[in-house]
Amino acid sequence: AFKALGVYLAMDDFGTGYSSLSYLH
């Protein structure tokens, strides 16, 4: 819904926690 609004989305703190590569896909 945010993408449909037109904003950009960023994954913050990548490399900490689980950092599952499936998120990126």
PDB file of all heavy atoms in Angstrom:
ATOM      1  N   ALA A   1       0.837  -1.204   0.000  1.00  0.00           N
ATOM      2  CA  ALA A   1       0.000   0.000   0.000  1.00  0.00           C
ATOM      3  C   ALA A   1       0.871   1.254   0.000  1.00  0.00           C
ATOM      4  O   ALA A   1       0.551   2.254  -0.666  1.00  0.00           O
ATOM      5  CB  ALA A   1      -0.928  -0.022   1.217  1.00  0.00           C
ATOM      6  N   PHE A   2       1.979   1.233   0.729  1.00  0.00           N
ATOM      7  CA  PHE A   2       2.903   2.363   0.708  1.00  0.00           C
ATOM      8  C   PHE A   2       3.502   2.553  -0.689  1.00  0.00           C
ATOM      9  O   PHE A   2       3.661   3.685  -1.162  1.00  0.00           O
ATOM     10  CB  PHE A   2       4.027   2.142   1.729  1.00  0.00           C
ATOM     11  CG  PHE A   2       3.697   2.639   3.111  1.00  0.00           C
ATOM     12  CD1 PHE A   2       3.840   1.813   4.217  1.00  0.00           C
ATOM     13  CD2 PHE A   2       3.255   3.938   3.303  1.00  0.00           C
ATOM     14  CE1 PHE A   2       3.552   2.278   5.488  1.00  0.00           C
ATOM     15  CE2 PHE A   2       2.963   4.414   4.580  1.00  0.00           C
ATOM     16  CZ  PHE A   2       3.107   3.584   5.674  1.00  0.00           C
ATOM     17  N   LYS A   3       3.853   1.416  -1.338  1.00  0.00           N
ATOM     18  CA  LYS A   3       4.385   1.524  -2.695  1.00  0.00           C
ATOM     19  C   LYS A   3       3.357   2.126  -3.646  1.00  0.00           C
ATOM     20  O   LYS A   3       3.696   2.921  -4.531  1.00  0.00           O
ATOM     21  CB  LYS A   3       4.818   0.138  -3.195  1.00  0.00           C
ATOM     22  CG  LYS A   3       6.093  -0.392  -2.545  1.00  0.00           C
ATOM     23  CD  LYS A   3       7.300   0.476  -2.854  1.00  0.00           C
ATOM     24  CE  LYS A   3       7.611   0.464  -4.348  1.00  0.00           C
ATOM     25  NZ  LYS A   3       8.774   1.338  -4.649  1.00  0.00           N
ATOM     26  N   ALA A   4       2.113   1.720  -3.461  1.00  0.00           N
ATOM     27  CA  ALA A   4       1.059   2.286  -4.302  1.00  0.00           C
ATOM     28  C   ALA A   4       0.899   3.780  -4.053  1.00  0.00           C
ATOM     29  O   ALA A   4       0.540   4.544  -4.960  1.00  0.00           O
ATOM     30  CB  ALA A   4      -0.265   1.556  -4.033  1.00  0.00           C
ATOM     31  N   LEU A   5       1.195   4.219  -2.815  1.00  0.00           N
ATOM     32  CA  LEU A   5       1.138   5.644  -2.495  1.00  0.00           C
ATOM     33  C   LEU A   5       2.227   6.404  -3.236  1.00  0.00           C
ATOM     34  O   LEU A   5       2.045   7.584  -3.586  1.00  0.00           O
ATOM     35  CB  LEU A   5       1.271   5.823  -0.980  1.00  0.00           C
ATOM     36  CG  LEU A   5       1.273   7.248  -0.439  1.00  0.00           C
ATOM     37  CD1 LEU A   5      -0.062   7.947  -0.728  1.00  0.00           C
ATOM     38  CD2 LEU A   5       1.546   7.238   1.073  1.00  0.00           C
ATOM     39  N   GLY A   6       3.381   5.739  -3.501  1.00  0.00           N
ATOM     40  CA  GLY A   6       4.448   6.387  -4.261  1.00  0.00           C
ATOM     41  C   GLY A   6       5.714   6.649  -3.484  1.00  0.00           C
ATOM     42  O   GLY A   6       6.651   7.250  -4.014  1.00  0.00           O
ATOM     43  N   VAL A   7       5.796   6.207  -2.225  1.00  0.00           N
ATOM     44  CA  VAL A   7       7.002   6.445  -1.439  1.00  0.00           C
ATOM     45  C   VAL A   7       8.022   5.343  -1.704  1.00  0.00           C
ATOM     46  O   VAL A   7       7.693   4.289  -2.252  1.00  0.00           O
ATOM     47  CB  VAL A   7       6.671   6.496   0.072  1.00  0.00           C
ATOM     48  CG1 VAL A   7       5.683   7.608   0.362  1.00  0.00           C
ATOM     49  CG2 VAL A   7       6.113   5.155   0.551  1.00  0.00           C
ATOM     50  N   TYR A   8       9.268   5.599  -1.318  1.00  0.00           N
ATOM     51  CA  TYR A   8      10.323   4.598  -1.404  1.00  0.00           C
ATOM     52  C   TYR A   8      10.403   3.844  -0.077  1.00  0.00           C
ATOM     53  O   TYR A   8      10.123   4.394   0.993  1.00  0.00           O
ATOM     54  CB  TYR A   8      11.669   5.254  -1.712  1.00  0.00           C
ATOM     55  CG  TYR A   8      11.786   5.748  -3.129  1.00  0.00           C
ATOM     56  CD1 TYR A   8      11.291   6.993  -3.510  1.00  0.00           C
ATOM     57  CD2 TYR A   8      12.403   4.970  -4.105  1.00  0.00           C
ATOM     58  CE1 TYR A   8      11.394   7.454  -4.816  1.00  0.00           C
ATOM     59  CE2 TYR A   8      12.515   5.417  -5.415  1.00  0.00           C
ATOM     60  CZ  TYR A   8      11.999   6.659  -5.764  1.00  0.00           C
ATOM     61  OH  TYR A   8      12.098   7.107  -7.064  1.00  0.00           O
ATOM     62  N   LEU A   9      10.836   2.586  -0.147  1.00  0.00           N
ATOM     63  CA  LEU A   9      10.940   1.750   1.055  1.00  0.00           C
ATOM     64  C   LEU A   9      12.381   1.283   1.215  1.00  0.00           C
ATOM     65  O   LEU A   9      13.008   0.809   0.268  1.00  0.00           O
ATOM     66  CB  LEU A   9      10.022   0.530   0.955  1.00  0.00           C
ATOM     67  CG  LEU A   9       8.518   0.833   0.878  1.00  0.00           C
ATOM     68  CD1 LEU A   9       7.723  -0.450   0.696  1.00  0.00           C
ATOM     69  CD2 LEU A   9       8.057   1.571   2.140  1.00  0.00           C
ATOM     70  N   ALA A  10      12.908   1.427   2.440  1.00  0.00           N
ATOM     71  CA  ALA A  10      14.293   1.058   2.726  1.00  0.00           C
ATOM     72  C   ALA A  10      14.334   0.061   3.879  1.00  0.00           C
ATOM     73  O   ALA A  10      13.602   0.194   4.861  1.00  0.00           O
ATOM     74  CB  ALA A  10      15.113   2.296   3.081  1.00  0.00           C
ATOM     75  N   MET A  11      15.208  -0.953   3.747  1.00  0.00           N
ATOM     76  CA  MET A  11      15.478  -1.890   4.833  1.00  0.00           C
ATOM     77  C   MET A  11      16.632  -1.332   5.652  1.00  0.00           C
ATOM     78  O   MET A  11      17.771  -1.280   5.198  1.00  0.00           O
ATOM     79  CB  MET A  11      15.831  -3.274   4.277  1.00  0.00           C
ATOM     80  CG  MET A  11      16.395  -4.248   5.319  1.00  0.00           C
ATOM     81  SD  MET A  11      15.174  -4.766   6.520  1.00  0.00           S
ATOM     82  CE  MET A  11      14.310  -6.007   5.552  1.00  0.00           C
ATOM     83  N   ASP A  12      16.335  -0.900   6.892  1.00  0.00           N
ATOM     84  CA  ASP A  12      17.336  -0.298   7.761  1.00  0.00           C
ATOM     85  C   ASP A  12      18.064  -1.391   8.544  1.00  0.00           C
ATOM     86  O   ASP A  12      17.536  -2.483   8.762  1.00  0.00           O
ATOM     87  CB  ASP A  12      16.656   0.675   8.725  1.00  0.00           C
ATOM     88  CG  ASP A  12      17.641   1.645   9.348  1.00  0.00           C
ATOM     89  OD1 ASP A  12      18.797   1.687   8.903  1.00  0.00           O
ATOM     90  OD2 ASP A  12      17.251   2.366  10.298  1.00  0.00           O
ATOM     91  N   ASP A  13      19.298  -1.088   8.980  1.00  0.00           N
ATOM     92  CA  ASP A  13      20.087  -1.988   9.834  1.00  0.00           C
ATOM     93  C   ASP A  13      20.291  -3.352   9.189  1.00  0.00           C
ATOM     94  O   ASP A  13      20.323  -4.378   9.887  1.00  0.00           O
ATOM     95  CB  ASP A  13      19.413  -2.166  11.203  1.00  0.00           C
ATOM     96  CG  ASP A  13      19.267  -0.844  11.938  1.00  0.00           C
ATOM     97  OD1 ASP A  13      20.049   0.076  11.651  1.00  0.00           O
ATOM     98  OD2 ASP A  13      18.359  -0.734  12.785  1.00  0.00           O
ATOM     99  N   PHE A  14      20.439  -3.420   7.868  1.00  0.00           N
ATOM    100  CA  PHE A  14      20.637  -4.718   7.216  1.00  0.00           C
ATOM    101  C   PHE A  14      21.987  -5.287   7.634  1.00  0.00           C
ATOM    102  O   PHE A  14      23.002  -4.615   7.620  1.00  0.00           O
ATOM    103  CB  PHE A  14      20.592  -4.578   5.695  1.00  0.00           C
ATOM    104  CG  PHE A  14      20.609  -5.904   4.978  1.00  0.00           C
ATOM    105  CD1 PHE A  14      19.455  -6.636   4.847  1.00  0.00           C
ATOM    106  CD2 PHE A  14      21.794  -6.427   4.481  1.00  0.00           C
ATOM    107  CE1 PHE A  14      19.454  -7.873   4.203  1.00  0.00           C
ATOM    108  CE2 PHE A  14      21.814  -7.660   3.834  1.00  0.00           C
ATOM    109  CZ  PHE A  14      20.638  -8.376   3.700  1.00  0.00           C
ATOM    110  N   GLY A  15      21.970  -6.576   7.975  1.00  0.00           N
ATOM    111  CA  GLY A  15      23.183  -7.238   8.441  1.00  0.00           C
ATOM    112  C   GLY A  15      23.144  -7.557   9.913  1.00  0.00           C
ATOM    113  O   GLY A  15      24.016  -8.242  10.442  1.00  0.00           O
ATOM    114  N   THR A  16      22.102  -7.079  10.615  1.00  0.00           N
ATOM    115  CA  THR A  16      21.912  -7.420  12.026  1.00  0.00           C
ATOM    116  C   THR A  16      20.716  -8.343  12.135  1.00  0.00           C
ATOM    117  O   THR A  16      19.965  -8.538  11.192  1.00  0.00           O
ATOM    118  CB  THR A  16      21.665  -6.158  12.861  1.00  0.00           C
ATOM    119  OG1 THR A  16      20.460  -5.522  12.412  1.00  0.00           O
ATOM    120  CG2 THR A  16      22.821  -5.185  12.712  1.00  0.00           C
ATOM    121  N   GLY A  17      20.511  -8.911  13.294  1.00  0.00           N
ATOM    122  CA  GLY A  17      19.338  -9.768  13.497  1.00  0.00           C
ATOM    123  C   GLY A  17      19.359 -10.959  12.573  1.00  0.00           C
ATOM    124  O   GLY A  17      20.389 -11.576  12.326  1.00  0.00           O
ATOM    125  N   TYR A  18      18.211 -11.266  12.011  1.00  0.00           N
ATOM    126  CA  TYR A  18      18.092 -12.433  11.131  1.00  0.00           C
ATOM    127  C   TYR A  18      18.574 -12.116   9.714  1.00  0.00           C
ATOM    128  O   TYR A  18      19.175 -12.935   9.058  1.00  0.00           O
ATOM    129  CB  TYR A  18      16.629 -12.911  11.072  1.00  0.00           C
ATOM    130  CG  TYR A  18      16.133 -13.436  12.385  1.00  0.00           C
ATOM    131  CD1 TYR A  18      15.428 -12.630  13.259  1.00  0.00           C
ATOM    132  CD2 TYR A  18      16.381 -14.749  12.763  1.00  0.00           C
ATOM    133  CE1 TYR A  18      14.971 -13.113  14.474  1.00  0.00           C
ATOM    134  CE2 TYR A  18      15.928 -15.252  13.972  1.00  0.00           C
ATOM    135  CZ  TYR A  18      15.222 -14.424  14.826  1.00  0.00           C
ATOM    136  OH  TYR A  18      14.776 -14.905  16.005  1.00  0.00           O
ATOM    137  N   SER A  19      18.259 -10.910   9.244  1.00  0.00           N
ATOM    138  CA  SER A  19      18.667 -10.479   7.899  1.00  0.00           C
ATOM    139  C   SER A  19      18.399 -11.551   6.852  1.00  0.00           C
ATOM    140  O   SER A  19      19.265 -11.938   6.078  1.00  0.00           O
ATOM    141  CB  SER A  19      20.148 -10.100   7.889  1.00  0.00           C
ATOM    142  OG  SER A  19      20.383  -8.989   8.706  1.00  0.00           O
ATOM    143  N   SER A  20      17.195 -12.056   6.843  1.00  0.00           N
ATOM    144  CA  SER A  20      16.849 -13.119   5.897  1.00  0.00           C
ATOM    145  C   SER A  20      16.863 -12.575   4.478  1.00  0.00           C
ATOM    146  O   SER A  20      16.284 -11.534   4.190  1.00  0.00           O
ATOM    147  CB  SER A  20      15.460 -13.677   6.219  1.00  0.00           C
ATOM    148  OG  SER A  20      15.055 -14.576   5.226  1.00  0.00           O
ATOM    149  N   LEU A  21      17.555 -13.306   3.601  1.00  0.00           N
ATOM    150  CA  LEU A  21      17.616 -12.882   2.200  1.00  0.00           C
ATOM    151  C   LEU A  21      16.259 -12.967   1.534  1.00  0.00           C
ATOM    152  O   LEU A  21      16.016 -12.324   0.511  1.00  0.00           O
ATOM    153  CB  LEU A  21      18.625 -13.745   1.450  1.00  0.00           C
ATOM    154  CG  LEU A  21      20.065 -13.654   1.959  1.00  0.00           C
ATOM    155  CD1 LEU A  21      20.965 -14.534   1.115  1.00  0.00           C
ATOM    156  CD2 LEU A  21      20.556 -12.218   1.942  1.00  0.00           C
ATOM    157  N   SER A  22      15.346 -13.778   2.122  1.00  0.00           N
ATOM    158  CA  SER A  22      14.013 -13.883   1.532  1.00  0.00           C
ATOM    159  C   SER A  22      13.277 -12.556   1.604  1.00  0.00           C
ATOM    160  O   SER A  22      12.381 -12.300   0.802  1.00  0.00           O
ATOM    161  CB  SER A  22      13.196 -14.974   2.237  1.00  0.00           C
ATOM    162  OG  SER A  22      12.981 -14.629   3.590  1.00  0.00           O
ATOM    163  N   TYR A  23      13.653 -11.694   2.592  1.00  0.00           N
ATOM    164  CA  TYR A  23      13.006 -10.386   2.677  1.00  0.00           C
ATOM    165  C   TYR A  23      13.233  -9.588   1.395  1.00  0.00           C
ATOM    166  O   TYR A  23      12.342  -8.897   0.910  1.00  0.00           O
ATOM    167  CB  TYR A  23      13.564  -9.585   3.863  1.00  0.00           C
ATOM    168  CG  TYR A  23      13.308 -10.198   5.217  1.00  0.00           C
ATOM    169  CD1 TYR A  23      14.155  -9.923   6.290  1.00  0.00           C
ATOM    170  CD2 TYR A  23      12.223 -11.042   5.438  1.00  0.00           C
ATOM    171  CE1 TYR A  23      13.936 -10.472   7.548  1.00  0.00           C
ATOM    172  CE2 TYR A  23      12.000 -11.587   6.687  1.00  0.00           C
ATOM    173  CZ  TYR A  23      12.859 -11.305   7.738  1.00  0.00           C
ATOM    174  OH  TYR A  23      12.637 -11.844   8.966  1.00  0.00           O
ATOM    175  N   LEU A  24      14.457  -9.673   0.884  1.00  0.00           N
ATOM    176  CA  LEU A  24      14.802  -8.870  -0.288  1.00  0.00           C
ATOM    177  C   LEU A  24      14.013  -9.306  -1.511  1.00  0.00           C
ATOM    178  O   LEU A  24      13.771  -8.515  -2.417  1.00  0.00           O
ATOM    179  CB  LEU A  24      16.300  -8.990  -0.566  1.00  0.00           C
ATOM    180  CG  LEU A  24      17.228  -8.624   0.603  1.00  0.00           C
ATOM    181  CD1 LEU A  24      18.677  -8.752   0.166  1.00  0.00           C
ATOM    182  CD2 LEU A  24      16.927  -7.223   1.114  1.00  0.00           C
ATOM    183  N   HIS A  25      13.655 -10.581  -1.547  1.00  0.00           N
ATOM    184  CA  HIS A  25      12.895 -11.095  -2.690  1.00  0.00           C
ATOM    185  C   HIS A  25      11.397 -10.907  -2.508  1.00  0.00           C
ATOM    186  O   HIS A  25      10.681 -10.558  -3.456  1.00  0.00           O
ATOM    187  CB  HIS A  25      13.219 -12.580  -2.873  1.00  0.00           C
ATOM    188  CG  HIS A  25      12.322 -13.262  -3.859  1.00  0.00           C
ATOM    189  ND1 HIS A  25      12.385 -13.020  -5.210  1.00  0.00           N
ATOM    190  CD2 HIS A  25      11.319 -14.158  -3.681  1.00  0.00           C
ATOM    191  CE1 HIS A  25      11.466 -13.743  -5.825  1.00  0.00           C
ATOM    192  NE2 HIS A  25      10.810 -14.447  -4.916  1.00  0.00           N
TER     193      HIS A  25
END
